[in-house]
Amino acid sequence: MSNDTSTTAGPPTGSEAVRDLPSTSEGRRLKVINLVLELRAFIALFVLIVVFSLLSDAYFTWDNLITMTRHVAINALLAIGMLMVILKGGIDLSVGSIVGLAGVVAGVLLEGLRVDVLNVVIYPPVWAVVVLALMVGAGVGWINGTLVSRFNVAPFIATLGMLYVARGVALLISDGKTYPNLGGSEQLGNTGFDWLGGGEILGIPVSILIMVLFAVAAIVLTRKTAFGRWIYAIGGNERAAELAGVPVRKAKTRVYMISGVCAAMAGLIIASELTSAAPQAGETFELNAIAAVVIGGTSLMGGRGNVRGALIGAFVIGFLADGLVILGVSTFWQIVIKGSVIILAVILDQSQQRIQGRAAQMAAAKSVTPSGPAPASA
């Protein structure tokens, strides 16, 4: 699928239309406003750091920045997966439940999986535990994708249903109990799980390195592969993408599987950090992931957004939450503030779309303006 539309494209739209605005007073004003709106996530993050640093000496310290970034890593992983889904015009409400389910699966395997038929208890190595938990996340994502692409179930309904199903399965497996000891046993060869959430490489926490690894993979996937172009095409206009030869069903299923893997990895990191797994883990995490993606400038209608914005949005959510905790703000007020930030992000996104729409109208008007009779040839 080619992106070259230079010979057939009409007037520019979106950011291209803003960049092509004439150097009039209105054109310059629209360019400035659009630039500020495009950088709103960066500006918000900078303002948060400055304000909380002035209010608390403990905020802008190296140790606290590392701690906050470790917290951000969880939401960033979820936001990366959510970004993929939203780019193609969907939503995934099941990621929080997948977090809990992945942790429970890890707990079962590390504490010993009893096979009654063979009268044995299996203690798989840590790497196998991680792989199996990620496969569970991918499996839940595959079910979501199949419901949406094959059975035409609305993404909101399909993933809302899986939110309950995945959480229920986690509760059934654990009988509602927490697996309190995931340290493993040297005699059984399944130690080292705590390294995933608490280990360091060159002084950098492993969870942060995993976030960076997933982010780089997502950037390459969205920018450098045909699959990435498919996602944007489907989000922009699904019918047109299908007519252009994009395998829409396959792409839809894959994005939900990616989201499931990202959520499962987040669940593994949480279980590793706490060295325990609770089926209730990850509740409402899907809302934080959606908030991060929206704050980062991704359109909930699909077709517009990027990994960088989702990551900055995750940092905004994380740094805001930790700053409020450091200042001793009530948990209830934290919820109110977080909700207000999400609403403000959507309002700013709508404002940017209106500005880009105005720029597109000006570009269209310019393209149809009569230019007078053509000069006679010599």
Protein backbone atom coordinates (compact mmCIF):
# COMPACT_ATOMS: atom_id res chain seq x y z
CA MET A 1 0.00 0.00 0.00
CA SER A 2 1.67 3.20 -1.10
CA ASN A 3 1.66 6.46 0.82
CA ASP A 4 2.58 8.53 -2.25
CA THR A 5 -0.42 10.68 -3.06
CA SER A 6 1.40 13.62 -4.55
CA THR A 7 -0.19 13.23 -7.94
CA THR A 8 -3.76 12.59 -6.91
CA ALA A 9 -4.24 14.21 -3.54
CA GLY A 10 -6.55 17.16 -3.10
CA PRO A 11 -5.98 20.10 -0.78
CA PRO A 12 -3.94 19.26 2.36
CA THR A 13 -5.71 18.39 5.57
CA GLY A 14 -4.81 18.19 9.27
CA SER A 15 -1.32 19.30 10.25
CA GLU A 16 -0.31 19.57 6.59
CA ALA A 17 -3.01 22.17 6.03
CA VAL A 18 -1.74 24.19 8.99
CA ARG A 19 1.85 24.08 7.74
CA ASP A 20 0.72 25.31 4.31
CA LEU A 21 -1.19 28.30 5.66
CA PRO A 22 -0.23 31.64 4.09
CA SER A 23 1.83 34.12 6.11
CA THR A 24 -1.15 36.31 6.90
CA SER A 25 -2.05 37.41 10.42
CA GLU A 26 -4.74 34.72 10.69
CA GLY A 27 -2.43 32.09 9.21
CA ARG A 28 0.34 32.87 11.68
CA ARG A 29 -2.11 32.87 14.58
CA LEU A 30 -3.49 29.46 13.62
CA LYS A 31 0.04 28.07 13.24
CA VAL A 32 1.03 29.23 16.71
CA ILE A 33 -2.12 27.88 18.36
CA ASN A 34 -1.79 24.55 16.54
CA LEU A 35 1.86 24.25 17.59
CA VAL A 36 0.97 24.87 21.24
CA LEU A 37 -1.81 22.29 21.06
CA GLU A 38 0.48 19.75 19.40
CA LEU A 39 2.99 20.20 22.22
CA ARG A 40 0.37 20.25 24.97
CA ALA A 41 1.51 16.95 26.51
CA PHE A 42 5.13 18.15 26.71
CA ILE A 43 4.00 21.50 28.12
CA ALA A 44 1.77 19.79 30.70
CA LEU A 45 4.61 17.50 31.80
CA PHE A 46 7.02 20.44 32.10
CA VAL A 47 4.51 22.47 34.12
CA LEU A 48 3.86 19.53 36.44
CA ILE A 49 7.55 19.04 37.14
CA VAL A 50 8.11 22.76 37.80
CA VAL A 51 5.04 23.19 40.02
CA PHE A 52 5.57 20.08 42.14
CA SER A 53 9.30 20.84 42.43
CA LEU A 54 8.44 24.25 43.88
CA LEU A 55 5.90 22.75 46.28
CA SER A 56 8.08 19.87 47.50
CA ASP A 57 11.84 19.52 47.76
CA ALA A 58 11.47 15.72 47.63
CA TYR A 59 9.82 15.72 44.21
CA PHE A 60 12.60 16.57 41.75
CA THR A 61 15.30 14.26 43.08
CA TRP A 62 17.03 11.45 41.21
CA ASP A 63 15.68 8.70 43.48
CA ASN A 64 12.13 10.01 43.26
CA LEU A 65 12.34 10.42 39.48
CA ILE A 66 13.45 6.79 39.16
CA THR A 67 10.64 5.68 41.47
CA MET A 68 8.04 7.67 39.53
CA THR A 69 9.34 6.36 36.21
CA ARG A 70 9.01 2.80 37.50
CA HIS A 71 5.39 3.57 38.28
CA VAL A 72 4.96 5.14 34.84
CA ALA A 73 6.37 2.01 33.16
CA ILE A 74 3.26 0.03 34.09
CA ASN A 75 0.85 2.53 32.57
CA ALA A 76 3.16 3.15 29.61
CA LEU A 77 3.05 -0.54 28.66
CA LEU A 78 -0.74 -0.47 28.80
CA ALA A 79 -0.82 2.81 26.86
CA ILE A 80 1.34 1.36 24.06
CA GLY A 81 -1.07 -1.52 23.58
CA MET A 82 -4.10 0.77 23.91
CA LEU A 83 -2.60 3.12 21.32
CA MET A 84 -2.49 0.33 18.74
CA VAL A 85 -6.15 -0.45 19.31
CA ILE A 86 -7.30 3.17 19.29
CA LEU A 87 -5.30 4.00 16.15
CA LYS A 88 -7.41 1.52 14.21
CA GLY A 89 -10.58 3.03 15.67
CA GLY A 90 -11.27 0.60 18.52
CA ILE A 91 -11.01 0.45 22.30
CA ASP A 92 -9.85 -2.21 24.76
CA LEU A 93 -11.49 -2.19 28.18
CA SER A 94 -10.14 -5.61 29.15
CA VAL A 95 -6.48 -4.66 29.73
CA GLY A 96 -6.91 -4.17 33.48
CA SER A 97 -8.38 -7.64 33.86
CA ILE A 98 -5.59 -9.12 31.75
CA VAL A 99 -3.12 -7.56 34.21
CA GLY A 100 -4.75 -9.48 37.06
CA LEU A 101 -5.10 -12.70 35.05
CA ALA A 102 -1.45 -12.70 33.96
CA GLY A 103 -0.33 -12.24 37.55
CA VAL A 104 -2.51 -15.12 38.72
CA VAL A 105 -1.16 -17.40 35.97
CA ALA A 106 2.37 -16.54 37.09
CA GLY A 107 1.39 -17.25 40.70
CA VAL A 108 -0.04 -20.65 39.86
CA LEU A 109 3.01 -21.69 37.87
CA LEU A 110 5.60 -20.43 40.33
CA GLU A 111 3.92 -21.99 43.36
CA GLY A 112 3.44 -25.23 41.47
CA LEU A 113 0.86 -26.42 38.97
CA ARG A 114 -0.70 -29.62 40.24
CA VAL A 115 -1.69 -32.14 37.57
CA ASP A 116 -4.05 -34.54 39.34
CA VAL A 117 -4.19 -36.98 36.45
CA LEU A 118 -0.46 -37.62 36.67
CA ASN A 119 -0.29 -36.96 40.42
CA VAL A 120 2.59 -34.55 39.93
CA VAL A 121 3.30 -30.87 40.59
CA ILE A 122 5.01 -28.93 37.79
CA TYR A 123 7.42 -26.09 38.61
CA PRO A 124 8.35 -24.44 35.29
CA PRO A 125 11.39 -22.13 35.05
CA VAL A 126 10.84 -18.39 35.23
CA TRP A 127 11.32 -17.83 31.49
CA ALA A 128 8.56 -20.37 30.78
CA VAL A 129 6.29 -18.65 33.32
CA VAL A 130 6.80 -15.31 31.55
CA VAL A 131 6.19 -16.81 28.10
CA LEU A 132 3.04 -18.64 29.19
CA ALA A 133 1.62 -15.53 30.90
CA LEU A 134 2.27 -13.45 27.78
CA MET A 135 0.57 -16.15 25.71
CA VAL A 136 -2.47 -15.88 27.98
CA GLY A 137 -2.56 -12.13 27.32
CA ALA A 138 -2.25 -12.73 23.59
CA GLY A 139 -5.02 -15.32 23.80
CA VAL A 140 -7.44 -12.91 25.47
CA GLY A 141 -6.50 -10.33 22.84
CA TRP A 142 -7.15 -12.88 20.09
CA ILE A 143 -10.65 -13.47 21.48
CA ASN A 144 -11.28 -9.72 21.54
CA GLY A 145 -10.04 -9.37 17.97
CA THR A 146 -12.11 -12.30 16.77
CA LEU A 147 -15.27 -10.92 18.35
CA VAL A 148 -14.67 -7.53 16.74
CA SER A 149 -13.43 -8.62 13.30
CA ARG A 150 -15.29 -11.89 12.68
CA PHE A 151 -18.54 -11.40 14.55
CA ASN A 152 -18.75 -7.61 14.14
CA VAL A 153 -19.27 -7.03 17.86
CA ALA A 154 -18.71 -3.41 18.80
CA PRO A 155 -15.24 -3.03 20.38
CA PHE A 156 -16.70 -1.39 23.49
CA ILE A 157 -19.09 -4.30 24.08
CA ALA A 158 -16.63 -7.07 23.17
CA THR A 159 -13.86 -5.82 25.44
CA LEU A 160 -16.29 -4.88 28.22
CA GLY A 161 -17.48 -8.49 28.20
CA MET A 162 -13.88 -9.76 28.28
CA LEU A 163 -13.17 -7.39 31.17
CA TYR A 164 -15.59 -9.46 33.24
CA VAL A 165 -14.63 -12.82 31.74
CA ALA A 166 -10.88 -12.39 32.31
CA ARG A 167 -11.40 -11.09 35.84
CA GLY A 168 -13.78 -13.95 36.58
CA VAL A 169 -11.31 -16.53 35.28
CA ALA A 170 -8.58 -15.03 37.50
CA LEU A 171 -10.90 -15.29 40.51
CA LEU A 172 -11.88 -18.86 39.64
CA ILE A 173 -8.26 -19.97 39.25
CA SER A 174 -7.18 -18.42 42.53
CA ASP A 175 -10.47 -19.00 44.36
CA GLY A 176 -10.34 -15.29 45.15
CA LYS A 177 -7.08 -15.65 47.07
CA THR A 178 -3.70 -14.00 46.65
CA TYR A 179 -0.56 -15.94 45.81
CA PRO A 180 1.74 -14.46 48.47
CA ASN A 181 5.08 -16.09 47.66
CA LEU A 182 6.43 -15.80 44.14
CA GLY A 183 10.08 -15.99 45.10
CA GLY A 184 10.37 -19.57 43.88
CA SER A 185 12.76 -22.21 45.19
CA GLU A 186 16.37 -22.87 44.28
CA GLN A 187 15.80 -26.61 44.65
CA LEU A 188 12.99 -26.44 42.10
CA GLY A 189 14.90 -24.15 39.74
CA ASN A 190 12.22 -21.49 39.44
CA THR A 191 13.87 -18.53 41.20
CA GLY A 192 14.54 -15.11 39.72
CA PHE A 193 11.00 -13.86 39.09
CA ASP A 194 11.51 -10.90 41.44
CA TRP A 195 14.28 -9.65 39.12
CA LEU A 196 11.65 -8.70 36.52
CA GLY A 197 10.16 -6.00 38.72
CA GLY A 198 12.99 -5.26 41.13
CA GLY A 199 16.22 -5.97 39.25
CA GLU A 200 18.55 -3.44 37.65
CA ILE A 201 20.89 -3.35 34.66
CA LEU A 202 23.61 -0.71 34.83
CA GLY A 203 21.67 0.98 37.60
CA ILE A 204 18.46 1.21 35.57
CA PRO A 205 15.41 -0.76 36.80
CA VAL A 206 14.45 -3.64 34.54
CA SER A 207 10.84 -2.43 34.37
CA ILE A 208 11.99 0.86 32.82
CA LEU A 209 14.17 -0.99 30.30
CA ILE A 210 11.20 -3.18 29.36
CA MET A 211 9.11 -0.04 28.82
CA VAL A 212 11.82 1.37 26.54
CA LEU A 213 12.09 -1.93 24.65
CA PHE A 214 8.33 -2.11 24.06
CA ALA A 215 8.25 1.57 23.04
CA VAL A 216 11.05 1.13 20.49
CA ALA A 217 9.33 -1.96 19.08
CA ALA A 218 6.05 -0.04 18.81
CA ILE A 219 7.74 2.89 17.06
CA VAL A 220 9.35 0.59 14.51
CA LEU A 221 6.06 -1.26 14.05
CA THR A 222 4.00 1.86 13.43
CA ARG A 223 6.53 3.78 11.33
CA LYS A 224 8.55 1.22 9.42
CA THR A 225 6.21 -1.67 8.63
CA ALA A 226 3.25 -2.32 6.39
CA PHE A 227 1.28 -3.37 9.47
CA GLY A 228 1.74 0.10 10.94
CA ARG A 229 0.39 1.69 7.77
CA TRP A 230 -2.55 -0.70 7.88
CA ILE A 231 -3.48 0.45 11.39
CA TYR A 232 -3.53 4.12 10.41
CA ALA A 233 -5.41 3.35 7.21
CA ILE A 234 -8.10 1.37 9.03
CA GLY A 235 -8.49 4.10 11.64
CA GLY A 236 -8.73 6.77 8.98
CA ASN A 237 -11.27 5.00 6.77
CA GLU A 238 -11.86 1.29 7.24
CA ARG A 239 -13.88 0.84 4.07
CA ALA A 240 -11.30 2.64 1.92
CA ALA A 241 -8.52 0.59 3.53
CA GLU A 242 -10.35 -2.63 2.72
CA LEU A 243 -10.85 -1.57 -0.90
CA ALA A 244 -7.14 -0.75 -1.08
CA GLY A 245 -6.28 -4.33 -0.18
CA VAL A 246 -5.55 -3.97 3.53
CA PRO A 247 -6.30 -7.23 5.42
CA VAL A 248 -8.61 -5.48 7.86
CA ARG A 249 -9.70 -8.53 9.85
CA LYS A 250 -6.16 -9.78 10.35
CA ALA A 251 -4.91 -6.35 11.38
CA LYS A 252 -7.74 -5.88 13.88
CA THR A 253 -7.05 -9.22 15.53
CA ARG A 254 -3.33 -8.50 15.75
CA VAL A 255 -3.73 -5.13 17.46
CA TYR A 256 -5.85 -6.68 20.20
CA MET A 257 -3.26 -9.43 20.63
CA ILE A 258 -0.54 -6.78 20.97
CA SER A 259 -2.64 -4.98 23.56
CA GLY A 260 -3.09 -8.25 25.46
CA VAL A 261 0.65 -8.95 25.48
CA CYS A 262 1.41 -5.44 26.75
CA ALA A 263 -1.16 -5.83 29.53
CA ALA A 264 0.19 -9.26 30.48
CA MET A 265 3.72 -7.87 30.73
CA ALA A 266 2.44 -5.09 32.99
CA GLY A 267 0.77 -7.73 35.16
CA LEU A 268 3.99 -9.72 35.41
CA ILE A 269 5.97 -6.66 36.47
CA ILE A 270 3.42 -5.79 39.17
CA ALA A 271 3.40 -9.35 40.49
CA SER A 272 7.19 -9.38 40.46
CA GLU A 273 7.50 -6.07 42.31
CA LEU A 274 5.09 -7.22 45.02
CA THR A 275 6.29 -10.88 44.93
CA SER A 276 2.60 -11.73 45.13
CA ALA A 277 -0.28 -12.02 42.69
CA ALA A 278 -3.84 -10.92 43.41
CA PRO A 279 -6.76 -11.52 41.02
CA GLN A 280 -7.98 -7.99 41.77
CA ALA A 281 -4.78 -6.42 40.43
CA GLY A 282 -5.17 -3.97 37.56
CA GLU A 283 -8.67 -2.74 38.38
CA THR A 284 -9.42 0.53 36.50
CA PHE A 285 -6.00 0.39 34.81
CA GLU A 286 -7.76 0.52 31.45
CA LEU A 287 -8.94 4.04 32.29
CA ASN A 288 -5.38 5.21 33.00
CA ALA A 289 -4.22 3.73 29.70
CA ILE A 290 -6.98 5.47 27.75
CA ALA A 291 -6.24 8.72 29.57
CA ALA A 292 -2.54 8.52 28.69
CA VAL A 293 -3.31 7.93 25.02
CA VAL A 294 -5.83 10.79 24.87
CA ILE A 295 -3.54 13.23 26.70
CA GLY A 296 -0.81 12.27 24.23
CA GLY A 297 -2.90 13.60 21.34
CA THR A 298 -4.34 10.39 19.88
CA SER A 299 -7.78 10.72 18.37
CA LEU A 300 -10.38 8.37 19.84
CA MET A 301 -11.86 8.18 16.34
CA GLY A 302 -8.69 6.49 15.11
CA GLY A 303 -6.11 7.21 12.44
CA ARG A 304 -4.15 9.89 14.34
CA GLY A 305 -1.57 9.52 17.12
CA ASN A 306 1.88 8.16 17.85
CA VAL A 307 3.90 6.24 20.43
CA ARG A 308 5.77 9.33 21.60
CA GLY A 309 2.53 11.07 22.55
CA ALA A 310 1.21 8.00 24.39
CA LEU A 311 4.44 7.77 26.41
CA ILE A 312 4.34 11.46 27.33
CA GLY A 313 0.70 11.04 28.31
CA ALA A 314 1.66 8.15 30.59
CA PHE A 315 4.33 10.33 32.20
CA VAL A 316 1.80 13.12 32.72
CA ILE A 317 -0.63 10.76 34.45
CA GLY A 318 2.10 9.11 36.53
CA PHE A 319 3.95 12.26 37.58
CA LEU A 320 0.67 13.98 38.43
CA ALA A 321 -0.51 11.07 40.59
CA ASP A 322 2.81 10.74 42.45
CA GLY A 323 3.05 14.51 42.93
CA LEU A 324 -0.38 14.62 44.51
CA VAL A 325 0.59 11.76 46.83
CA ILE A 326 3.79 13.55 47.89
CA LEU A 327 1.79 16.68 48.68
CA GLY A 328 -0.66 14.65 50.73
CA VAL A 329 -3.68 15.44 48.57
CA SER A 330 -6.76 13.37 49.44
CA THR A 331 -7.33 10.26 47.33
CA PHE A 332 -10.81 11.53 46.51
CA TRP A 333 -9.43 14.80 45.18
CA GLN A 334 -6.84 12.87 43.18
CA ILE A 335 -9.67 11.11 41.34
CA VAL A 336 -11.41 14.43 40.66
CA ILE A 337 -8.20 16.03 39.37
CA LYS A 338 -7.35 13.07 37.14
CA GLY A 339 -10.84 13.12 35.62
CA SER A 340 -10.60 16.86 35.03
CA VAL A 341 -7.27 16.42 33.25
CA ILE A 342 -8.80 13.84 30.92
CA ILE A 343 -11.74 16.11 30.08
CA LEU A 344 -9.37 19.02 29.45
CA ALA A 345 -7.26 16.84 27.16
CA VAL A 346 -10.30 15.95 25.06
CA ILE A 347 -11.37 19.60 24.87
CA LEU A 348 -7.90 20.62 23.67
CA ASP A 349 -7.92 17.80 21.12
CA GLN A 350 -11.26 19.00 19.75
CA SER A 351 -9.88 22.54 19.59
CA GLN A 352 -6.90 21.34 17.58
CA GLN A 353 -9.18 19.49 15.17
CA ARG A 354 -11.26 22.64 14.68
CA ILE A 355 -8.12 24.66 13.91
CA GLN A 356 -6.93 22.05 11.43
CA GLY A 357 -10.41 21.98 9.89
CA ARG A 358 -10.29 25.77 9.51
CA ALA A 359 -6.87 25.47 7.87
CA ALA A 360 -8.18 22.81 5.51
CA GLN A 361 -11.08 25.08 4.52
CA MET A 362 -8.66 27.91 3.77
CA ALA A 363 -6.50 25.56 1.70
CA ALA A 364 -9.55 24.28 -0.21
CA ALA A 365 -10.76 27.83 -0.85
CA LYS A 366 -7.32 28.78 -2.11
CA SER A 367 -7.22 25.79 -4.48
CA VAL A 368 -10.50 26.76 -6.16
CA THR A 369 -9.89 30.52 -6.31
CA PRO A 370 -10.00 31.66 -9.93
CA SER A 371 -6.58 32.71 -11.13
CA GLY A 372 -7.75 34.52 -14.23
CA PRO A 373 -7.18 33.60 -17.86
CA ALA A 374 -3.99 31.75 -18.66
CA PRO A 375 -1.33 33.88 -20.36
CA ALA A 376 -1.00 33.43 -24.09
CA SER A 377 1.94 31.40 -25.20
CA ALA A 378 4.64 33.12 -27.14
